[in-house]
Amino acid sequence: MGAAMRRIHVGNALSAFGLGFTVPYLYVYVAQVRELGAMTAGLVLAVFAVAALVVLPFAGRAIVRRGPRPVLVASLVTAALGALSLGLAGSATTVLLSAAALGAGQAVMQPALATMIVDCSTADTRSRAFATQFFLQNLGLGVGGLIGGHLVDTTRADSFTLLFAIEAAMFLLLAAIMTTVRMPHAPRVEGAPQARGGSWKQLLGNRAMVQLCVLGFVLFFACYGQFESGLSAYGVEAAGISTSALGTALAANTAMIVVAQFAVLRFVERRKRSRVIAAVGLIWALAWVVAGYAGLGHGSQTMATAAFVSTYALFGLGEAMLSPTVAPLVADLAPTGMAGQYNSAFALVKQLALAVGPAVGGPMGASLHAPYVVTFLLFSLGITYLAVRLGRQLTPVQNQPSLARSRVVAQGGAPAEPARSSA
C-alpha cells in the first residue's frame, strides 16, 4: 500500500472504532438512560435511515464535482457534531435532530471513502484494498464495542456522554488524517467507458450497474437487513436462544470475518467475481437451512444454539467473500470520473435494503417461523441466479481483474480487446 492508502485505512479503522462505542447501546441510551421511551428510540433508528436516503442522491454529484476528500471531511464534521450533541441531548427533539446529523454524516462517509480507495488503487489492487477496509471496519467495531461495554453504566448518563464524545473525537481525527492524504489519479479498468452528461441517466442506462444494484439490494435485504431484526427475533422466539447466545452469534460473525478475510481473499482474487457472488448465495442458503434446524428441528437446546451460532458464522464467511468482490466491481463499472456517483447509488440501494429488510423480516421472524426461513432461503438462491446473470453483462477483465496482468504479459504489454463473457 502507498502512503495515501495506509492513511485511509488507519482513518477508516479509527472511525469504525468510534462507531463501536455507541452503536450497540443507542437504543438503551435513548429509551432508558434519557427516559424518552421505546417509541423515541425506535424513531431515532428510523431517522438514521431516512437521513441517509435524503442525502445520498446528492452525495454522488458532490463527490464528482468537488472530489471525495472535501465531501468526506464535511461529512465527518457533521457526524462529529451529531454524535457530540446526541451525547448531550436531553429532549426528544434534540435527540432526533442529532440523530439526523449523525446519520447523514455516516451515510456520506461510505461512498466518499470508497471513492478515495478507488482513486488510490488500481484494478489489480482494488480487491485487496476493499478487503482490508472491511476487515478493519469489523475489527474496529468489535474492539470499540468491547471497550464501550466496560465504560458504560446505565445509571450514569455521563458515561454515555463519554462514549459519544469518543465517537466524535474519532470522526474529527479521521477528518484531520484525510486532509493530509495526497490523492493520485488511479488508472481505470480495461474497457471502462468515459463519462458523459446526465450522470443518473447514464447510470440507469448501464445494464451491468442496474443488475448489480438489484443484486446488491437482495444481498443486503437477505443478510444484513436480518441480523438485528428478523434473524435475532427468530432465534429468540423459534429457537429459544438466550440474549447471551445471541451476543455469541454476533461475535462469531465478526470473528469469522476477521479470521477468514485474507485467506478468502487469496481464493477469490483469481476467480470470476460473478461466480464468487453466486457461491455466496449458496453459502447463505446453507446458513438458512442451518437456521431452520435451529428453530424448527427437534434437537436439544445445545444443538439449537450451536446451529444458530453457526448460521451467523456462515453469513460472516459470505461477507468476507463479498468485500473484495462487490465494491471493486462497482468502481470498475463506473466511467472515468464517475466513481463517486456509482458508489453513492450503490450506497443508496444498500440503505433501502437495510430499511426494508427489518420491516419485512422482523414480524416474520418473530411469528411466521417456517415461512421466514423458506422466504430467505429462496432469496439466497436468488442471489446465485442474479450473480450468474450479471456475469453475462461484464467484460472479462471486469469479471476477473487478474486477467489484465496475464494478458499484458502474454502480449508484451499490449492490452487485449474487451469482450463479453459468461458467468
Foldseek 3Di string as FASTA:
>chain_A
DDPLLVLLLVLLLLLLLLVLLPVVCQQLLCCQLLVPHNVLSVVLVVLLLVLLLVCLLVLLVCCLVPNLLVQLLVLLLQLLQLLLQCLVDNDSVSNSVSSSSNSNSVNSNQLSSLVLLLQVDELLCSLVSLLSSVLSSLVSSVVSNVVSVVQDDSNDSVSSSVSSNSSSVSSNVSSVSSVPRDGHGYDAFPPAAADDPDLVVVQVVQVLLVLLLVLLLLLLLLAVLCLPAQLVLLCCQQQVDDPVLSVLLLVLLSVLSNVCQVVLCVVPQQAFLLVLQLVLLVLLLVLLVLQCCLRPNDDDSVSSSVSSSVSSNSNSNSVSSCSSRSSSLLQNNHHPSSSSVSSSVSSSSSSVSNVVNNVVSRVCSNPVPVVSSVVSSVSSNVSNVSSQVSLQSDWPCSRHVVVQVVQCVVVVHDGDDTDGDGD
